[in-house]
Amino acid sequence: MDKEKVLLVYNLSDKEKKGLIEAKYKVRLINEENSGGTLSEIIDGKMIAHRGKDLKDIKMIIYSGFGIDDELKEVITHIRKNIVFGSIMAVTTKTNLNWTFDYLMEHLLEEKEENIVIEKERRKELKAKE
């Protein structure tokens, strides 16, 4: 598998995809034709069609080949502020490279819901202390 820096993108608008490309990011589209594979297979350009339940209608960007460092932080900040708004974001890891795209999506959506509950509880506790 190639270690180059690439953004795996799903369900972005044409304007958002164009913005990423114009900003000189390497972009690989995830769609029905390749979303049946693992992240590693998608990165390698394998076309494994999605089967099963329809994929969720959410925007997602997966950062592949980036270290967990200031560069990644700058890239994420730039993309969030200037190009893509309201997407779920993830970074590839040794573990999730072997996950299918729909499995990763479900995992991230569950995590997002858990974080919403935690944040509501935290705000409630802070308000009670006032």
Protein backbone atom coordinates (compact mmCIF):
# COMPACT_ATOMS: atom_id res chain seq x y z
CA MET A 1 0.00 0.00 0.00
CA ASP A 2 1.19 3.48 -0.86
CA LYS A 3 2.11 5.78 2.07
CA GLU A 4 1.30 8.97 0.20
CA LYS A 5 -0.96 11.56 1.78
CA VAL A 6 -4.46 11.24 0.41
CA LEU A 7 -7.93 12.31 1.46
CA LEU A 8 -10.59 9.64 1.12
CA VAL A 9 -13.83 11.56 0.67
CA TYR A 10 -17.43 10.44 0.75
CA ASN A 11 -20.62 12.33 -0.11
CA LEU A 12 -19.02 15.75 -0.58
CA SER A 13 -20.53 18.26 -2.97
CA ASP A 14 -18.86 18.93 -6.30
CA LYS A 15 -17.86 22.37 -4.98
CA GLU A 16 -16.21 20.83 -1.90
CA LYS A 17 -14.34 18.21 -3.97
CA LYS A 18 -13.19 20.92 -6.38
CA GLY A 19 -12.03 23.05 -3.44
CA LEU A 20 -9.90 20.21 -2.06
CA ILE A 21 -8.34 19.54 -5.46
CA GLU A 22 -7.67 23.26 -6.06
CA ALA A 23 -5.99 23.40 -2.63
CA LYS A 24 -3.61 20.70 -3.98
CA TYR A 25 -4.84 17.83 -1.82
CA LYS A 26 -4.78 14.38 -3.38
CA VAL A 27 -8.37 13.14 -3.27
CA ARG A 28 -9.76 9.64 -3.71
CA LEU A 29 -13.54 9.41 -3.97
CA ILE A 30 -15.46 6.79 -2.02
CA ASN A 31 -18.71 5.76 -3.69
CA GLU A 32 -20.96 2.75 -4.25
CA GLU A 33 -18.44 1.28 -6.70
CA ASN A 34 -15.55 1.02 -4.22
CA SER A 35 -17.06 1.31 -0.73
CA GLY A 36 -17.35 -2.46 -0.31
CA GLY A 37 -13.63 -2.76 0.27
CA THR A 38 -11.44 -2.09 3.26
CA LEU A 39 -9.85 1.33 3.64
CA SER A 40 -6.59 -0.23 2.46
CA GLU A 41 -8.28 -1.55 -0.69
CA ILE A 42 -9.92 1.82 -1.35
CA ILE A 43 -6.55 3.57 -0.99
CA ASP A 44 -5.04 1.06 -3.42
CA GLY A 45 -7.77 1.88 -5.95
CA LYS A 46 -9.52 -1.49 -5.86
CA MET A 47 -13.11 -1.41 -7.04
CA ILE A 48 -15.14 -3.56 -4.65
CA ALA A 49 -18.80 -2.60 -4.85
CA HIS A 50 -20.81 -1.94 -1.73
CA ARG A 51 -23.42 -4.55 -0.85
CA GLY A 52 -26.01 -4.51 1.89
CA LYS A 53 -27.77 -1.63 3.60
CA ASP A 54 -27.63 1.77 1.98
CA LEU A 55 -24.76 3.91 3.19
CA LYS A 56 -25.65 6.83 5.42
CA ASP A 57 -26.15 10.26 3.88
CA ILE A 58 -23.28 11.99 5.69
CA LYS A 59 -20.14 13.77 4.56
CA MET A 60 -16.89 12.10 5.53
CA ILE A 61 -13.17 12.77 5.07
CA ILE A 62 -10.57 10.16 6.02
CA TYR A 63 -6.97 11.35 6.23
CA SER A 64 -4.52 8.69 5.05
CA GLY A 65 -0.73 8.85 5.19
CA PHE A 66 -0.67 11.79 7.60
CA GLY A 67 1.21 11.61 10.88
CA ILE A 68 -0.63 12.67 14.02
CA ASP A 69 1.17 16.00 14.23
CA ASP A 70 0.93 19.74 13.64
CA GLU A 71 0.76 19.26 9.86
CA LEU A 72 -2.40 17.16 10.18
CA LYS A 73 -3.86 19.71 12.59
CA GLU A 74 -3.17 22.51 10.09
CA VAL A 75 -4.69 20.53 7.20
CA ILE A 76 -7.85 19.74 9.19
CA THR A 77 -8.19 23.36 10.34
CA HIS A 78 -7.74 24.65 6.78
CA ILE A 79 -10.28 22.23 5.33
CA ARG A 80 -12.87 22.86 8.07
CA LYS A 81 -12.57 26.65 7.86
CA ASN A 82 -12.35 27.04 4.11
CA ILE A 83 -13.60 24.07 2.12
CA VAL A 84 -15.78 21.42 3.79
CA PHE A 85 -18.24 22.16 6.56
CA GLY A 86 -20.00 19.62 8.77
CA SER A 87 -18.18 16.46 7.81
CA ILE A 88 -17.16 13.56 10.00
CA MET A 89 -13.39 13.20 9.95
CA ALA A 90 -11.08 10.29 10.72
CA VAL A 91 -7.45 9.29 10.34
CA THR A 92 -6.33 5.91 9.07
CA THR A 93 -4.64 3.62 11.60
CA LYS A 94 -3.07 0.17 11.38
CA THR A 95 -6.33 -1.21 12.76
CA ASN A 96 -8.93 0.66 10.71
CA LEU A 97 -7.09 0.11 7.42
CA ASN A 98 -8.54 -3.42 7.61
CA TRP A 99 -12.09 -2.21 8.28
CA THR A 100 -14.66 -1.91 5.54
CA PHE A 101 -15.84 1.60 4.84
CA ASP A 102 -19.37 0.97 6.13
CA TYR A 103 -17.99 -0.54 9.36
CA LEU A 104 -15.84 2.56 9.92
CA MET A 105 -18.83 4.79 9.18
CA GLU A 106 -21.01 3.00 11.75
CA HIS A 107 -18.19 3.12 14.31
CA LEU A 108 -17.74 6.88 13.81
CA LEU A 109 -21.47 7.57 14.00
CA GLU A 110 -21.72 5.64 17.28
CA GLU A 111 -18.74 7.57 18.63
CA LYS A 112 -20.35 10.86 17.57
CA GLU A 113 -23.58 9.96 19.40
CA GLU A 114 -21.63 9.00 22.54
CA ASN A 115 -19.78 12.32 22.43
CA ILE A 116 -23.07 14.22 22.14
CA VAL A 117 -24.38 12.48 25.27
CA ILE A 118 -21.14 13.14 27.16
CA GLU A 119 -21.18 16.82 26.17
CA LYS A 120 -24.81 17.22 27.28
CA GLU A 121 -23.97 15.66 30.66
CA ARG A 122 -20.92 17.89 31.04
CA ARG A 123 -22.94 21.02 30.30
CA LYS A 124 -25.63 19.94 32.74
CA GLU A 125 -23.00 19.46 35.48
CA LEU A 126 -21.44 22.85 34.76
CA LYS A 127 -24.83 24.55 34.88
CA ALA A 128 -25.64 22.86 38.21
CA LYS A 129 -22.40 24.28 39.70
CA GLU A 130 -23.36 27.86 38.77
